[in-house]
Amino acid sequence: MTPEQKLLLRHALLRQLAAAAPASLPPATLLHGAALAGFRLDEPQLQVELDYLAGKNLLAIVPAALSRALPRARLTAAGRDYLEEENLL
């Protein structure tokens, strides 16, 4: 994936989370949304991108309320600020 494609993918993931806010989304939903946006990636590739965005504090990985073993992603305030600065909201 080119750097431009990675940027577009990351924007797509953050925009999905913004649309769901304040709720969090499971990786399977984000994977499906990425596919609808034209990206073909598997779960390990998605996890790399989620870890990258979490490392930048643009999203948070949180446990599901009913099963702590199932992670979910939630947009952070910094993530919302980033999307607004980039005119993506």
PDB file of N, CA and C in Angstrom:
ATOM      1  N   MET A   1       0.850  -1.168   0.000  1.00  0.00           N
ATOM      2  CA  MET A   1       0.000   0.000   0.000  1.00  0.00           C
ATOM      3  C   MET A   1       0.903   1.241   0.000  1.00  0.00           C
ATOM      4  N   THR A   2       0.572   2.197  -0.851  1.00  0.00           N
ATOM      5  CA  THR A   2       1.369   3.425  -0.924  1.00  0.00           C
ATOM      6  C   THR A   2       1.079   4.306   0.291  1.00  0.00           C
ATOM      7  N   PRO A   3       1.958   5.257   0.577  1.00  0.00           N
ATOM      8  CA  PRO A   3       1.682   6.175   1.697  1.00  0.00           C
ATOM      9  C   PRO A   3       0.357   6.915   1.533  1.00  0.00           C
ATOM     10  N   GLU A   4       0.014   7.279   0.309  1.00  0.00           N
ATOM     11  CA  GLU A   4      -1.260   7.964   0.066  1.00  0.00           C
ATOM     12  C   GLU A   4      -2.442   7.048   0.364  1.00  0.00           C
ATOM     13  N   GLN A   5      -2.331   5.785  -0.027  1.00  0.00           N
ATOM     14  CA  GLN A   5      -3.402   4.822   0.260  1.00  0.00           C
ATOM     15  C   GLN A   5      -3.547   4.593   1.757  1.00  0.00           C
ATOM     16  N   LYS A   6      -2.424   4.528   2.477  1.00  0.00           N
ATOM     17  CA  LYS A   6      -2.489   4.368   3.938  1.00  0.00           C
ATOM     18  C   LYS A   6      -3.183   5.556   4.577  1.00  0.00           C
ATOM     19  N   LEU A   7      -2.867   6.754   4.101  1.00  0.00           N
ATOM     20  CA  LEU A   7      -3.509   7.952   4.639  1.00  0.00           C
ATOM     21  C   LEU A   7      -5.017   7.909   4.400  1.00  0.00           C
ATOM     22  N   LEU A   8      -5.428   7.525   3.204  1.00  0.00           N
ATOM     23  CA  LEU A   8      -6.857   7.428   2.896  1.00  0.00           C
ATOM     24  C   LEU A   8      -7.533   6.361   3.745  1.00  0.00           C
ATOM     25  N   LEU A   9      -6.863   5.238   3.950  1.00  0.00           N
ATOM     26  CA  LEU A   9      -7.408   4.185   4.800  1.00  0.00           C
ATOM     27  C   LEU A   9      -7.578   4.697   6.225  1.00  0.00           C
ATOM     28  N   ARG A  10      -6.561   5.354   6.755  1.00  0.00           N
ATOM     29  CA  ARG A  10      -6.637   5.878   8.122  1.00  0.00           C
ATOM     30  C   ARG A  10      -7.755   6.906   8.248  1.00  0.00           C
ATOM     31  N   HIS A  11      -7.918   7.739   7.232  1.00  0.00           N
ATOM     32  CA  HIS A  11      -9.030   8.694   7.243  1.00  0.00           C
ATOM     33  C   HIS A  11     -10.367   7.954   7.249  1.00  0.00           C
ATOM     34  N   ALA A  12     -10.475   6.908   6.439  1.00  0.00           N
ATOM     35  CA  ALA A  12     -11.721   6.140   6.383  1.00  0.00           C
ATOM     36  C   ALA A  12     -12.040   5.516   7.739  1.00  0.00           C
ATOM     37  N   LEU A  13     -11.030   4.973   8.410  1.00  0.00           N
ATOM     38  CA  LEU A  13     -11.247   4.369   9.723  1.00  0.00           C
ATOM     39  C   LEU A  13     -11.684   5.417  10.742  1.00  0.00           C
ATOM     40  N   LEU A  14     -11.010   6.558  10.751  1.00  0.00           N
ATOM     41  CA  LEU A  14     -11.370   7.612  11.701  1.00  0.00           C
ATOM     42  C   LEU A  14     -12.756   8.169  11.421  1.00  0.00           C
ATOM     43  N   ARG A  15     -13.114   8.284  10.168  1.00  0.00           N
ATOM     44  CA  ARG A  15     -14.446   8.798   9.824  1.00  0.00           C
ATOM     45  C   ARG A  15     -15.539   7.813  10.232  1.00  0.00           C
ATOM     46  N   GLN A  16     -15.267   6.517  10.129  1.00  0.00           N
ATOM     47  CA  GLN A  16     -16.218   5.519  10.615  1.00  0.00           C
ATOM     48  C   GLN A  16     -16.451   5.702  12.108  1.00  0.00           C
ATOM     49  N   LEU A  17     -15.358   5.870  12.834  1.00  0.00           N
ATOM     50  CA  LEU A  17     -15.467   6.033  14.278  1.00  0.00           C
ATOM     51  C   LEU A  17     -16.176   7.331  14.635  1.00  0.00           C
ATOM     52  N   ALA A  18     -15.943   8.378  13.865  1.00  0.00           N
ATOM     53  CA  ALA A  18     -16.628   9.648  14.108  1.00  0.00           C
ATOM     54  C   ALA A  18     -18.129   9.494  13.895  1.00  0.00           C
ATOM     55  N   ALA A  19     -18.520   8.744  12.865  1.00  0.00           N
ATOM     56  CA  ALA A  19     -19.939   8.534  12.594  1.00  0.00           C
ATOM     57  C   ALA A  19     -20.610   7.738  13.703  1.00  0.00           C
ATOM     58  N   ALA A  20     -19.856   6.867  14.349  1.00  0.00           N
ATOM     59  CA  ALA A  20     -20.410   6.028  15.414  1.00  0.00           C
ATOM     60  C   ALA A  20     -20.344   6.694  16.786  1.00  0.00           C
ATOM     61  N   ALA A  21     -19.534   7.739  16.918  1.00  0.00           N
ATOM     62  CA  ALA A  21     -19.302   8.372  18.228  1.00  0.00           C
ATOM     63  C   ALA A  21     -20.616   8.817  18.862  1.00  0.00           C
ATOM     64  N   PRO A  22     -20.739   8.624  20.160  1.00  0.00           N
ATOM     65  CA  PRO A  22     -19.710   8.262  21.120  1.00  0.00           C
ATOM     66  C   PRO A  22     -19.528   6.751  21.299  1.00  0.00           C
ATOM     67  N   ALA A  23     -20.205   5.963  20.487  1.00  0.00           N
ATOM     68  CA  ALA A  23     -20.064   4.509  20.589  1.00  0.00           C
ATOM     69  C   ALA A  23     -18.707   4.064  20.049  1.00  0.00           C
ATOM     70  N   SER A  24     -18.325   2.861  20.397  1.00  0.00           N
ATOM     71  CA  SER A  24     -17.109   2.250  19.867  1.00  0.00           C
ATOM     72  C   SER A  24     -17.514   1.182  18.856  1.00  0.00           C
ATOM     73  N   LEU A  25     -16.566   0.776  18.024  1.00  0.00           N
ATOM     74  CA  LEU A  25     -16.848  -0.233  16.997  1.00  0.00           C
ATOM     75  C   LEU A  25     -15.870  -1.399  17.113  1.00  0.00           C
ATOM     76  N   PRO A  26     -16.353  -2.614  16.845  1.00  0.00           N
ATOM     77  CA  PRO A  26     -15.450  -3.770  16.832  1.00  0.00           C
ATOM     78  C   PRO A  26     -14.638  -3.792  15.534  1.00  0.00           C
ATOM     79  N   PRO A  27     -13.503  -4.460  15.563  1.00  0.00           N
ATOM     80  CA  PRO A  27     -12.659  -4.527  14.362  1.00  0.00           C
ATOM     81  C   PRO A  27     -13.390  -5.068  13.128  1.00  0.00           C
ATOM     82  N   ALA A  28     -14.290  -6.019  13.306  1.00  0.00           N
ATOM     83  CA  ALA A  28     -15.003  -6.580  12.153  1.00  0.00           C
ATOM     84  C   ALA A  28     -15.823  -5.515  11.434  1.00  0.00           C
ATOM     85  N   THR A  29     -16.422  -4.615  12.175  1.00  0.00           N
ATOM     86  CA  THR A  29     -17.191  -3.530  11.569  1.00  0.00           C
ATOM     87  C   THR A  29     -16.274  -2.569  10.830  1.00  0.00           C
ATOM     88  N   LEU A  30     -15.136  -2.252  11.436  1.00  0.00           N
ATOM     89  CA  LEU A  30     -14.169  -1.378  10.774  1.00  0.00           C
ATOM     90  C   LEU A  30     -13.610  -2.027   9.517  1.00  0.00           C
ATOM     91  N   LEU A  31     -13.391  -3.313   9.564  1.00  0.00           N
ATOM     92  CA  LEU A  31     -12.894  -4.051   8.398  1.00  0.00           C
ATOM     93  C   LEU A  31     -13.915  -4.001   7.261  1.00  0.00           C
ATOM     94  N   HIS A  32     -15.176  -4.178   7.607  1.00  0.00           N
ATOM     95  CA  HIS A  32     -16.246  -4.116   6.607  1.00  0.00           C
ATOM     96  C   HIS A  32     -16.334  -2.708   6.015  1.00  0.00           C
ATOM     97  N   GLY A  33     -16.261  -1.698   6.859  1.00  0.00           N
ATOM     98  CA  GLY A  33     -16.304  -0.324   6.377  1.00  0.00           C
ATOM     99  C   GLY A  33     -15.131   0.001   5.470  1.00  0.00           C
ATOM    100  N   ALA A  34     -13.957  -0.503   5.822  1.00  0.00           N
ATOM    101  CA  ALA A  34     -12.779  -0.289   4.979  1.00  0.00           C
ATOM    102  C   ALA A  34     -12.986  -0.941   3.610  1.00  0.00           C
ATOM    103  N   ALA A  35     -13.598  -2.117   3.593  1.00  0.00           N
ATOM    104  CA  ALA A  35     -13.877  -2.798   2.322  1.00  0.00           C
ATOM    105  C   ALA A  35     -14.858  -1.979   1.484  1.00  0.00           C
ATOM    106  N   LEU A  36     -15.863  -1.400   2.135  1.00  0.00           N
ATOM    107  CA  LEU A  36     -16.827  -0.565   1.416  1.00  0.00           C
ATOM    108  C   LEU A  36     -16.158   0.694   0.858  1.00  0.00           C
ATOM    109  N   ALA A  37     -15.095   1.139   1.516  1.00  0.00           N
ATOM    110  CA  ALA A  37     -14.350   2.309   1.050  1.00  0.00           C
ATOM    111  C   ALA A  37     -13.324   1.928  -0.022  1.00  0.00           C
ATOM    112  N   GLY A  38     -13.258   0.644  -0.369  1.00  0.00           N
ATOM    113  CA  GLY A  38     -12.383   0.202  -1.449  1.00  0.00           C
ATOM    114  C   GLY A  38     -11.053  -0.373  -1.022  1.00  0.00           C
ATOM    115  N   PHE A  39     -10.887  -0.651   0.267  1.00  0.00           N
ATOM    116  CA  PHE A  39      -9.621  -1.193   0.764  1.00  0.00           C
ATOM    117  C   PHE A  39      -9.763  -2.679   1.036  1.00  0.00           C
ATOM    118  N   ARG A  40      -8.790  -3.437   0.577  1.00  0.00           N
ATOM    119  CA  ARG A  40      -8.756  -4.874   0.837  1.00  0.00           C
ATOM    120  C   ARG A  40      -7.641  -5.136   1.833  1.00  0.00           C
ATOM    121  N   LEU A  41      -8.027  -5.495   3.039  1.00  0.00           N
ATOM    122  CA  LEU A  41      -7.030  -5.818   4.045  1.00  0.00           C
ATOM    123  C   LEU A  41      -7.594  -6.890   4.958  1.00  0.00           C
ATOM    124  N   ASP A  42      -6.694  -7.574   5.633  1.00  0.00           N
ATOM    125  CA  ASP A  42      -7.117  -8.616   6.554  1.00  0.00           C
ATOM    126  C   ASP A  42      -7.034  -8.083   7.985  1.00  0.00           C
ATOM    127  N   GLU A  43      -7.431  -8.923   8.931  1.00  0.00           N
ATOM    128  CA  GLU A  43      -7.455  -8.482  10.329  1.00  0.00           C
ATOM    129  C   GLU A  43      -6.093  -8.058  10.860  1.00  0.00           C
ATOM    130  N   PRO A  44      -5.004  -8.805  10.564  1.00  0.00           N
ATOM    131  CA  PRO A  44      -3.695  -8.336  11.045  1.00  0.00           C
ATOM    132  C   PRO A  44      -3.302  -6.968  10.474  1.00  0.00           C
ATOM    133  N   GLN A  45      -3.612  -6.726   9.198  1.00  0.00           N
ATOM    134  CA  GLN A  45      -3.309  -5.419   8.605  1.00  0.00           C
ATOM    135  C   GLN A  45      -4.139  -4.322   9.264  1.00  0.00           C
ATOM    136  N   LEU A  46      -5.406  -4.627   9.526  1.00  0.00           N
ATOM    137  CA  LEU A  46      -6.264  -3.663  10.217  1.00  0.00           C
ATOM    138  C   LEU A  46      -5.699  -3.358  11.600  1.00  0.00           C
ATOM    139  N   GLN A  47      -5.253  -4.382  12.305  1.00  0.00           N
ATOM    140  CA  GLN A  47      -4.725  -4.177  13.650  1.00  0.00           C
ATOM    141  C   GLN A  47      -3.485  -3.280  13.629  1.00  0.00           C
ATOM    142  N   VAL A  48      -2.652  -3.423  12.615  1.00  0.00           N
ATOM    143  CA  VAL A  48      -1.482  -2.554  12.477  1.00  0.00           C
ATOM    144  C   VAL A  48      -1.928  -1.094  12.358  1.00  0.00           C
ATOM    145  N   GLU A  49      -2.949  -0.849  11.549  1.00  0.00           N
ATOM    146  CA  GLU A  49      -3.436   0.523  11.364  1.00  0.00           C
ATOM    147  C   GLU A  49      -4.093   1.055  12.637  1.00  0.00           C
ATOM    148  N   LEU A  50      -4.854   0.208  13.319  1.00  0.00           N
ATOM    149  CA  LEU A  50      -5.480   0.641  14.571  1.00  0.00           C
ATOM    150  C   LEU A  50      -4.421   0.950  15.624  1.00  0.00           C
ATOM    151  N   ASP A  51      -3.398   0.117  15.697  1.00  0.00           N
ATOM    152  CA  ASP A  51      -2.309   0.369  16.648  1.00  0.00           C
ATOM    153  C   ASP A  51      -1.592   1.679  16.318  1.00  0.00           C
ATOM    154  N   TYR A  52      -1.381   1.941  15.036  1.00  0.00           N
ATOM    155  CA  TYR A  52      -0.739   3.182  14.619  1.00  0.00           C
ATOM    156  C   TYR A  52      -1.568   4.384  15.059  1.00  0.00           C
ATOM    157  N   LEU A  53      -2.874   4.344  14.771  1.00  0.00           N
ATOM    158  CA  LEU A  53      -3.750   5.460  15.131  1.00  0.00           C
ATOM    159  C   LEU A  53      -3.874   5.613  16.647  1.00  0.00           C
ATOM    160  N   ALA A  54      -3.874   4.497  17.362  1.00  0.00           N
ATOM    161  CA  ALA A  54      -3.908   4.560  18.832  1.00  0.00           C
ATOM    162  C   ALA A  54      -2.612   5.166  19.356  1.00  0.00           C
ATOM    163  N   GLY A  55      -1.497   4.828  18.740  1.00  0.00           N
ATOM    164  CA  GLY A  55      -0.211   5.396  19.132  1.00  0.00           C
ATOM    165  C   GLY A  55      -0.146   6.893  18.918  1.00  0.00           C
ATOM    166  N   LYS A  56      -0.905   7.390  17.958  1.00  0.00           N
ATOM    167  CA  LYS A  56      -0.997   8.829  17.702  1.00  0.00           C
ATOM    168  C   LYS A  56      -2.096   9.480  18.551  1.00  0.00           C
ATOM    169  N   ASN A  57      -2.752   8.682  19.406  1.00  0.00           N
ATOM    170  CA  ASN A  57      -3.841   9.129  20.280  1.00  0.00           C
ATOM    171  C   ASN A  57      -5.056   9.635  19.494  1.00  0.00           C
ATOM    172  N   LEU A  58      -5.255   9.112  18.277  1.00  0.00           N
ATOM    173  CA  LEU A  58      -6.409   9.498  17.477  1.00  0.00           C
ATOM    174  C   LEU A  58      -7.592   8.575  17.725  1.00  0.00           C
ATOM    175  N   LEU A  59      -7.322   7.395  18.252  1.00  0.00           N
ATOM    176  CA  LEU A  59      -8.370   6.476  18.678  1.00  0.00           C
ATOM    177  C   LEU A  59      -7.876   5.723  19.901  1.00  0.00           C
ATOM    178  N   ALA A  60      -8.821   5.136  20.599  1.00  0.00           N
ATOM    179  CA  ALA A  60      -8.487   4.327  21.780  1.00  0.00           C
ATOM    180  C   ALA A  60      -9.034   2.926  21.576  1.00  0.00           C
ATOM    181  N   ILE A  61      -8.263   1.946  21.961  1.00  0.00           N
ATOM    182  CA  ILE A  61      -8.724   0.553  21.951  1.00  0.00           C
ATOM    183  C   ILE A  61      -9.270   0.279  23.345  1.00  0.00           C
ATOM    184  N   VAL A  62     -10.553  -0.077  23.399  1.00  0.00           N
ATOM    185  CA  VAL A  62     -11.219  -0.292  24.687  1.00  0.00           C
ATOM    186  C   VAL A  62     -11.853  -1.683  24.697  1.00  0.00           C
ATOM    187  N   PRO A  63     -11.979  -2.300  25.865  1.00  0.00           N
ATOM    188  CA  PRO A  63     -12.636  -3.608  25.924  1.00  0.00           C
ATOM    189  C   PRO A  63     -14.150  -3.458  25.781  1.00  0.00           C
ATOM    190  N   ALA A  64     -14.787  -4.461  25.221  1.00  0.00           N
ATOM    191  CA  ALA A  64     -16.242  -4.470  25.127  1.00  0.00           C
ATOM    192  C   ALA A  64     -16.832  -4.598  26.528  1.00  0.00           C
ATOM    193  N   ALA A  65     -17.982  -3.992  26.729  1.00  0.00           N
ATOM    194  CA  ALA A  65     -18.605  -3.991  28.050  1.00  0.00           C
ATOM    195  C   ALA A  65     -18.960  -5.399  28.531  1.00  0.00           C
ATOM    196  N   LEU A  66     -19.429  -6.255  27.636  1.00  0.00           N
ATOM    197  CA  LEU A  66     -19.864  -7.590  28.034  1.00  0.00           C
ATOM    198  C   LEU A  66     -18.765  -8.639  27.969  1.00  0.00           C
ATOM    199  N   SER A  67     -17.719  -8.362  27.229  1.00  0.00           N
ATOM    200  CA  SER A  67     -16.620  -9.323  27.117  1.00  0.00           C
ATOM    201  C   SER A  67     -15.312  -8.563  26.977  1.00  0.00           C
ATOM    202  N   ARG A  68     -14.568  -8.501  28.035  1.00  0.00           N
ATOM    203  CA  ARG A  68     -13.330  -7.735  28.049  1.00  0.00           C
ATOM    204  C   ARG A  68     -12.305  -8.278  27.051  1.00  0.00           C
ATOM    205  N   ALA A  69     -12.498  -9.506  26.588  1.00  0.00           N
ATOM    206  CA  ALA A  69     -11.555 -10.102  25.630  1.00  0.00           C
ATOM    207  C   ALA A  69     -11.783  -9.592  24.207  1.00  0.00           C
ATOM    208  N   LEU A  70     -12.892  -8.911  23.973  1.00  0.00           N
ATOM    209  CA  LEU A  70     -13.204  -8.412  22.636  1.00  0.00           C
ATOM    210  C   LEU A  70     -12.924  -6.910  22.565  1.00  0.00           C
ATOM    211  N   PRO A  71     -11.867  -6.517  21.885  1.00  0.00           N
ATOM    212  CA  PRO A  71     -11.528  -5.093  21.810  1.00  0.00           C
ATOM    213  C   PRO A  71     -12.449  -4.324  20.867  1.00  0.00           C
ATOM    214  N   ARG A  72     -12.568  -3.052  21.128  1.00  0.00           N
ATOM    215  CA  ARG A  72     -13.330  -2.143  20.284  1.00  0.00           C
ATOM    216  C   ARG A  72     -12.506  -0.880  20.126  1.00  0.00           C
ATOM    217  N   ALA A  73     -12.788  -0.115  19.100  1.00  0.00           N
ATOM    218  CA  ALA A  73     -12.078   1.146  18.861  1.00  0.00           C
ATOM    219  C   ALA A  73     -13.044   2.302  19.054  1.00  0.00           C
ATOM    220  N   ARG A  74     -12.532   3.370  19.655  1.00  0.00           N
ATOM    221  CA  ARG A  74     -13.336   4.564  19.916  1.00  0.00           C
ATOM    222  C   ARG A  74     -12.519   5.782  19.519  1.00  0.00           C
ATOM    223  N   LEU A  75     -13.149   6.745  18.863  1.00  0.00           N
ATOM    224  CA  LEU A  75     -12.480   7.980  18.476  1.00  0.00           C
ATOM    225  C   LEU A  75     -12.176   8.803  19.726  1.00  0.00           C
ATOM    226  N   THR A  76     -10.998   9.370  19.797  1.00  0.00           N
ATOM    227  CA  THR A  76     -10.627  10.239  20.911  1.00  0.00           C
ATOM    228  C   THR A  76     -10.920  11.695  20.528  1.00  0.00           C
ATOM    229  N   ALA A  77     -10.818  12.569  21.513  1.00  0.00           N
ATOM    230  CA  ALA A  77     -10.983  14.003  21.245  1.00  0.00           C
ATOM    231  C   ALA A  77      -9.932  14.483  20.247  1.00  0.00           C
ATOM    232  N   ALA A  78      -8.717  13.961  20.381  1.00  0.00           N
ATOM    233  CA  ALA A  78      -7.649  14.328  19.446  1.00  0.00           C
ATOM    234  C   ALA A  78      -7.984  13.852  18.030  1.00  0.00           C
ATOM    235  N   GLY A  79      -8.618  12.687  17.923  1.00  0.00           N
ATOM    236  CA  GLY A  79      -9.027  12.177  16.619  1.00  0.00           C
ATOM    237  C   GLY A  79     -10.087  13.059  15.984  1.00  0.00           C
ATOM    238  N   ARG A  80     -11.051  13.495  16.785  1.00  0.00           N
ATOM    239  CA  ARG A  80     -12.090  14.399  16.272  1.00  0.00           C
ATOM    240  C   ARG A  80     -11.465  15.731  15.850  1.00  0.00           C
ATOM    241  N   ASP A  81     -10.558  16.242  16.657  1.00  0.00           N
ATOM    242  CA  ASP A  81      -9.872  17.494  16.312  1.00  0.00           C
ATOM    243  C   ASP A  81      -9.116  17.354  14.994  1.00  0.00           C
ATOM    244  N   TYR A  82      -8.431  16.219  14.822  1.00  0.00           N
ATOM    245  CA  TYR A  82      -7.690  15.976  13.585  1.00  0.00           C
ATOM    246  C   TYR A  82      -8.632  15.993  12.377  1.00  0.00           C
ATOM    247  N   LEU A  83      -9.752  15.284  12.482  1.00  0.00           N
ATOM    248  CA  LEU A  83     -10.700  15.236  11.375  1.00  0.00           C
ATOM    249  C   LEU A  83     -11.253  16.616  11.069  1.00  0.00           C
ATOM    250  N   GLU A  84     -11.525  17.399  12.095  1.00  0.00           N
ATOM    251  CA  GLU A  84     -12.027  18.757  11.873  1.00  0.00           C
ATOM    252  C   GLU A  84     -10.971  19.632  11.210  1.00  0.00           C
ATOM    253  N   GLU A  85      -9.719  19.531  11.666  1.00  0.00           N
ATOM    254  CA  GLU A  85      -8.632  20.319  11.074  1.00  0.00           C
ATOM    255  C   GLU A  85      -8.426  19.979   9.593  1.00  0.00           C
ATOM    256  N   GLU A  86      -8.645  18.719   9.248  1.00  0.00           N
ATOM    257  CA  GLU A  86      -8.479  18.265   7.866  1.00  0.00           C
ATOM    258  C   GLU A  86      -9.757  18.430   7.039  1.00  0.00           C
ATOM    259  N   ASN A  87     -10.785  19.020   7.636  1.00  0.00           N
ATOM    260  CA  ASN A  87     -12.096  19.207   6.982  1.00  0.00           C
ATOM    261  C   ASN A  87     -12.692  17.889   6.507  1.00  0.00           C
ATOM    262  N   LEU A  88     -12.572  16.871   7.344  1.00  0.00           N
ATOM    263  CA  LEU A  88     -13.092  15.539   7.010  1.00  0.00           C
ATOM    264  C   LEU A  88     -14.398  15.233   7.734  1.00  0.00           C
ATOM    265  N   LEU A  89     -14.884  16.165   8.521  1.00  0.00           N
ATOM    266  CA  LEU A  89     -16.179  15.979   9.206  1.00  0.00           C
ATOM    267  C   LEU A  89     -17.203  16.905   8.623  1.00  0.00           C
TER     268      LEU A  89
END
